[in-house]
Amino acid sequence: MKKRYVYWLMLPGLLFLTLFMLLPIIHTIGSTFFQEGQFTFEGYLHFLRDRYYVDILLTTMQVSLVTTMACIVVGFPVAYHISMLSPRKKGFLLALAIFPLLTSSVVRSFSWIIILGKNGLLNSWLVGLGLIDQPLEILYTPTAVMIGLIHLFLPLLIISLVGVMENIDPDLVKAAESLGSSRFTVFRKVIFPLSIPGLILGSILIFVGSMTAYTTPTVLGGKKRVIATFLYQNAITLNDWNSASVIATIMIVITLLVIGLMTKMSHKFRVKG
């Protein structure tokens, strides 16, 4: 009887998701296979045959992958350090890590224009120190987009990892140390394997978020297109909704493949017991 009440409570949410998310997605995907009433794959074949389209997709994948890896390299040590602190210090540093999420992505993206511009803070500093003769061309490049995305999504990885690391039993670490393991060995054979679920969750959030991000690539990428800005251009500027639907479907498929692959890796590397 109680289960029936649970199902009834779930019904409004399920109806909302079905009407406003699931059905529009199905309609969008279905529309890509029909042109003038005929079933066809021409939209996808046109996308894959056009080198410009493929280059945009590959650039997006590269930006997303590099952003994810950079966040892991930077965020993992930070999360490990935070998880080892006392609750008071941990709460303070977590608040600092979460604080950027409270700021609009538009504001954060524009702040990087001030830093990375030709006459920005970074170039002025490097020229002033004599490290470079001419300002670096960073702004409006994939590099600028990746820097902005790392700033945008790094807190998500830190939060995901801290949540997992702080639940690791300290007795496991003490046991490994008592058996003669060095700190690096303890980290490699105890801390890191037990942190993999949080690492994979954070990686999914960063990769998918980077691939579908629109504001940061628009502000920092300039004319350099990624798949999200290309989708907007086709839908709003060119009014080519068929091409926009094809691009959206490709984004959905890649997102689902990445989530499925990461989930499978999570099950494979999950520590038993």
Protein backbone atom coordinates (compact mmCIF):
# COMPACT_ATOMS: atom_id res chain seq x y z
CA MET A 1 0.00 0.00 0.00
CA LYS A 2 2.84 2.36 0.85
CA LYS A 3 4.45 1.73 -2.54
CA ARG A 4 1.27 2.86 -4.28
CA TYR A 5 1.45 6.19 -2.41
CA VAL A 6 5.08 6.59 -3.49
CA TYR A 7 4.13 6.03 -7.12
CA TRP A 8 1.33 8.61 -6.90
CA LEU A 9 3.76 11.13 -5.40
CA MET A 10 6.17 10.50 -8.28
CA LEU A 11 3.46 10.95 -10.92
CA PRO A 12 3.50 14.80 -11.17
CA GLY A 13 7.27 14.86 -11.61
CA LEU A 14 7.21 12.07 -14.17
CA LEU A 15 4.45 13.81 -16.15
CA PHE A 16 6.38 17.09 -16.10
CA LEU A 17 9.60 15.42 -17.31
CA THR A 18 7.73 13.46 -19.97
CA LEU A 19 5.84 16.46 -21.37
CA PHE A 20 8.57 19.08 -21.23
CA MET A 21 11.77 17.05 -21.66
CA LEU A 22 11.27 13.52 -22.99
CA LEU A 23 8.69 14.24 -25.70
CA PRO A 24 10.52 17.32 -27.08
CA ILE A 25 13.77 15.31 -27.25
CA ILE A 26 12.02 12.45 -29.06
CA HIS A 27 10.40 14.91 -31.47
CA THR A 28 13.75 16.63 -32.12
CA ILE A 29 15.54 13.34 -32.81
CA GLY A 30 12.69 11.98 -34.91
CA SER A 31 12.53 15.08 -37.10
CA THR A 32 16.15 14.56 -38.22
CA PHE A 33 15.25 11.36 -40.05
CA PHE A 34 12.53 12.87 -42.24
CA GLN A 35 12.82 15.38 -45.07
CA GLU A 36 9.80 16.18 -47.22
CA GLY A 37 8.00 13.18 -45.74
CA GLN A 38 10.76 10.72 -46.69
CA PHE A 39 12.87 8.71 -44.24
CA THR A 40 16.51 9.61 -44.77
CA PHE A 41 19.94 9.87 -43.11
CA GLU A 42 20.90 12.78 -45.36
CA GLY A 43 21.15 15.24 -42.45
CA TYR A 44 23.78 13.12 -40.68
CA LEU A 45 25.61 12.26 -43.91
CA HIS A 46 25.80 15.96 -44.79
CA PHE A 47 27.20 16.71 -41.33
CA LEU A 48 29.86 13.99 -41.55
CA ARG A 49 30.86 14.90 -45.13
CA ASP A 50 31.36 18.58 -44.34
CA ARG A 51 34.90 19.13 -43.07
CA TYR A 52 33.90 22.38 -41.37
CA TYR A 53 31.22 20.62 -39.32
CA VAL A 54 33.56 17.77 -38.37
CA ASP A 55 36.30 20.21 -37.33
CA ILE A 56 33.85 21.97 -34.99
CA LEU A 57 32.89 18.65 -33.44
CA LEU A 58 36.53 17.59 -33.01
CA THR A 59 37.42 20.98 -31.51
CA THR A 60 34.57 20.62 -29.03
CA MET A 61 35.69 17.11 -28.07
CA GLN A 62 39.28 18.29 -27.66
CA VAL A 63 38.27 21.26 -25.50
CA SER A 64 36.03 19.04 -23.34
CA LEU A 65 38.67 16.34 -22.91
CA VAL A 66 41.51 18.75 -22.07
CA THR A 67 39.26 20.65 -19.66
CA THR A 68 38.33 17.41 -17.89
CA MET A 69 41.94 16.24 -17.61
CA ALA A 70 43.14 19.64 -16.37
CA CYS A 71 40.42 19.73 -13.73
CA ILE A 72 41.48 16.25 -12.55
CA VAL A 73 45.15 17.22 -12.34
CA VAL A 74 44.39 20.44 -10.44
CA GLY A 75 41.38 19.32 -8.43
CA PHE A 76 42.48 15.91 -7.15
CA PRO A 77 45.33 17.17 -4.89
CA VAL A 78 43.13 20.03 -3.65
CA ALA A 79 40.27 17.66 -2.80
CA TYR A 80 42.66 15.25 -1.07
CA HIS A 81 44.12 18.04 1.05
CA ILE A 82 40.67 19.35 2.01
CA SER A 83 39.42 15.87 2.96
CA MET A 84 42.34 15.42 5.40
CA LEU A 85 41.58 18.60 7.37
CA SER A 86 39.49 19.13 10.49
CA PRO A 87 35.75 19.74 9.94
CA ARG A 88 36.11 23.47 10.60
CA LYS A 89 38.93 24.01 8.11
CA LYS A 90 37.27 21.64 5.64
CA GLY A 91 34.05 23.65 5.74
CA PHE A 92 35.90 26.91 5.19
CA LEU A 93 37.89 25.65 2.20
CA LEU A 94 34.83 23.95 0.69
CA ALA A 95 32.99 27.27 0.97
CA LEU A 96 35.84 28.94 -0.93
CA ALA A 97 35.70 26.20 -3.58
CA ILE A 98 31.93 26.53 -3.96
CA PHE A 99 31.92 30.34 -3.98
CA PRO A 100 32.67 30.68 -7.75
CA LEU A 101 29.50 28.68 -8.45
CA LEU A 102 27.51 31.52 -6.88
CA THR A 103 28.78 33.94 -9.53
CA SER A 104 27.22 34.09 -12.97
CA SER A 105 29.15 32.33 -15.72
CA VAL A 106 28.80 35.50 -17.80
CA VAL A 107 30.59 37.56 -15.15
CA ARG A 108 33.34 34.96 -14.78
CA SER A 109 33.82 34.74 -18.53
CA PHE A 110 34.11 38.51 -18.92
CA SER A 111 36.62 38.63 -16.07
CA TRP A 112 38.90 36.38 -18.15
CA ILE A 113 38.76 38.93 -20.99
CA ILE A 114 40.37 41.44 -18.62
CA ILE A 115 43.05 38.88 -17.71
CA LEU A 116 43.76 37.25 -21.09
CA GLY A 117 43.29 40.19 -23.47
CA LYS A 118 46.12 41.54 -25.60
CA ASN A 119 46.51 44.42 -23.14
CA GLY A 120 45.21 42.38 -20.23
CA LEU A 121 46.72 41.65 -16.85
CA LEU A 122 48.57 38.50 -17.91
CA ASN A 123 50.26 40.01 -20.96
CA SER A 124 51.10 43.21 -19.10
CA TRP A 125 52.70 41.19 -16.33
CA LEU A 126 54.71 38.97 -18.70
CA VAL A 127 55.91 41.93 -20.79
CA GLY A 128 56.78 43.88 -17.65
CA LEU A 129 58.93 41.01 -16.38
CA GLY A 130 60.65 40.74 -19.74
CA LEU A 131 59.52 37.14 -20.31
CA ILE A 132 57.94 37.99 -23.67
CA ASP A 133 58.45 40.76 -26.24
CA GLN A 134 54.99 40.71 -27.81
CA PRO A 135 51.62 40.07 -26.13
CA LEU A 136 50.40 36.48 -26.39
CA GLU A 137 47.36 35.75 -28.54
CA ILE A 138 45.32 33.81 -25.96
CA LEU A 139 41.93 35.47 -26.04
CA TYR A 140 39.44 34.19 -28.65
CA THR A 141 41.24 30.85 -28.99
CA PRO A 142 40.39 27.31 -27.77
CA THR A 143 42.97 27.86 -25.02
CA ALA A 144 40.97 30.78 -23.61
CA VAL A 145 37.80 28.69 -23.77
CA MET A 146 39.49 25.85 -21.85
CA ILE A 147 40.77 28.25 -19.18
CA GLY A 148 37.27 29.66 -18.72
CA LEU A 149 35.72 26.17 -18.57
CA ILE A 150 38.28 24.96 -16.02
CA HIS A 151 37.40 27.94 -13.84
CA LEU A 152 33.72 27.15 -14.36
CA PHE A 153 33.71 23.42 -13.60
CA LEU A 154 36.66 22.79 -11.26
CA PRO A 155 34.50 23.26 -8.10
CA LEU A 156 32.25 20.40 -9.25
CA LEU A 157 35.17 17.96 -9.30
CA ILE A 158 36.46 19.12 -5.91
CA ILE A 159 33.03 18.70 -4.32
CA SER A 160 32.57 15.23 -5.87
CA LEU A 161 35.98 14.02 -4.70
CA VAL A 162 35.80 15.47 -1.19
CA GLY A 163 32.43 13.77 -0.67
CA VAL A 164 34.03 10.40 -1.48
CA MET A 165 37.42 10.90 0.16
CA GLU A 166 36.06 12.00 3.54
CA ASN A 167 34.18 8.69 3.78
CA ILE A 168 37.32 6.58 3.33
CA ASP A 169 37.94 4.66 6.56
CA PRO A 170 41.07 6.09 8.25
CA ASP A 171 41.82 2.59 9.58
CA LEU A 172 42.58 1.47 6.03
CA VAL A 173 45.26 4.14 5.73
CA LYS A 174 46.70 3.28 9.15
CA ALA A 175 46.73 -0.43 8.29
CA ALA A 176 48.62 0.21 5.06
CA GLU A 177 51.14 2.44 6.86
CA SER A 178 51.62 -0.14 9.64
CA LEU A 179 52.51 -2.72 6.97
CA GLY A 180 55.37 -0.53 5.76
CA SER A 181 53.73 1.32 2.87
CA SER A 182 55.03 4.77 2.04
CA ARG A 183 52.66 7.73 1.74
CA PHE A 184 52.81 7.51 -2.03
CA THR A 185 52.01 3.79 -1.95
CA VAL A 186 49.10 4.41 0.42
CA PHE A 187 47.79 7.08 -1.93
CA ARG A 188 48.25 4.87 -5.01
CA LYS A 189 46.80 1.64 -3.58
CA VAL A 190 44.25 2.88 -1.05
CA ILE A 191 43.19 6.51 -1.51
CA PHE A 192 43.09 6.65 -5.30
CA PRO A 193 41.15 3.38 -5.93
CA LEU A 194 38.55 4.32 -3.33
CA SER A 195 38.22 7.79 -4.88
CA ILE A 196 37.44 6.53 -8.39
CA PRO A 197 33.60 6.76 -8.08
CA GLY A 198 33.84 10.47 -7.19
CA LEU A 199 36.47 11.01 -9.87
CA ILE A 200 34.26 9.46 -12.54
CA LEU A 201 31.19 11.38 -11.39
CA GLY A 202 33.09 14.66 -11.47
CA SER A 203 34.58 13.82 -14.88
CA ILE A 204 31.12 13.18 -16.33
CA LEU A 205 29.85 16.52 -15.03
CA ILE A 206 32.85 18.39 -16.43
CA PHE A 207 32.98 16.68 -19.84
CA VAL A 208 29.25 16.96 -20.50
CA GLY A 209 29.15 20.51 -19.14
CA SER A 210 32.13 21.56 -21.27
CA MET A 211 30.65 20.00 -24.38
CA THR A 212 27.29 21.71 -23.99
CA ALA A 213 28.55 25.06 -22.60
CA TYR A 214 27.46 28.09 -24.57
CA THR A 215 28.22 31.29 -22.64
CA THR A 216 31.93 30.75 -21.98
CA PRO A 217 32.80 29.66 -25.57
CA THR A 218 30.79 32.59 -26.94
CA VAL A 219 32.54 35.17 -24.77
CA LEU A 220 36.08 33.76 -24.83
CA GLY A 221 36.08 31.89 -28.14
CA GLY A 222 35.10 34.73 -30.45
CA LYS A 223 34.64 33.41 -33.99
CA LYS A 224 36.08 30.02 -33.03
CA ARG A 225 33.04 27.74 -33.00
CA VAL A 226 32.19 24.87 -30.70
CA ILE A 227 29.20 22.60 -31.11
CA ALA A 228 26.92 24.61 -28.77
CA THR A 229 27.58 27.95 -30.47
CA PHE A 230 27.25 26.25 -33.87
CA LEU A 231 23.86 24.88 -32.82
CA TYR A 232 22.73 28.37 -31.78
CA GLN A 233 23.95 29.83 -35.07
CA ASN A 234 21.99 27.32 -37.15
CA ALA A 235 18.81 27.62 -35.08
CA ILE A 236 18.63 31.37 -34.40
CA THR A 237 20.82 33.14 -36.96
CA LEU A 238 20.35 30.90 -40.02
CA ASN A 239 16.91 29.59 -39.01
CA ASP A 240 17.99 26.12 -40.20
CA TRP A 241 16.15 24.02 -37.67
CA ASN A 242 16.82 20.73 -39.43
CA SER A 243 20.60 21.17 -39.18
CA ALA A 244 20.18 22.39 -35.60
CA SER A 245 18.21 19.25 -34.75
CA VAL A 246 20.92 17.05 -36.28
CA ILE A 247 23.58 18.84 -34.22
CA ALA A 248 21.46 18.53 -31.07
CA THR A 249 20.96 14.81 -31.68
CA ILE A 250 24.69 14.27 -32.15
CA MET A 251 25.32 16.09 -28.87
CA ILE A 252 22.75 13.92 -27.10
CA VAL A 253 24.24 10.70 -28.50
CA ILE A 254 27.81 11.66 -27.54
CA THR A 255 26.64 12.69 -24.07
CA LEU A 256 24.86 9.36 -23.52
CA LEU A 257 27.87 7.42 -24.81
CA VAL A 258 30.23 9.25 -22.45
CA ILE A 259 27.91 8.73 -19.48
CA GLY A 260 27.52 5.04 -20.34
CA LEU A 261 31.27 4.55 -20.76
CA MET A 262 32.08 6.35 -17.51
CA THR A 263 29.41 4.40 -15.64
CA LYS A 264 30.81 1.14 -16.95
CA MET A 265 34.30 2.19 -15.84
CA SER A 266 32.90 3.06 -12.42
CA HIS A 267 31.48 -0.46 -12.03
CA LYS A 268 34.71 -2.02 -13.28
CA PHE A 269 37.00 -0.14 -10.91
CA ARG A 270 34.68 -0.14 -7.91
CA VAL A 271 36.45 -1.63 -4.91
CA LYS A 272 34.57 -4.60 -3.48
CA GLY A 273 33.99 -5.20 0.20
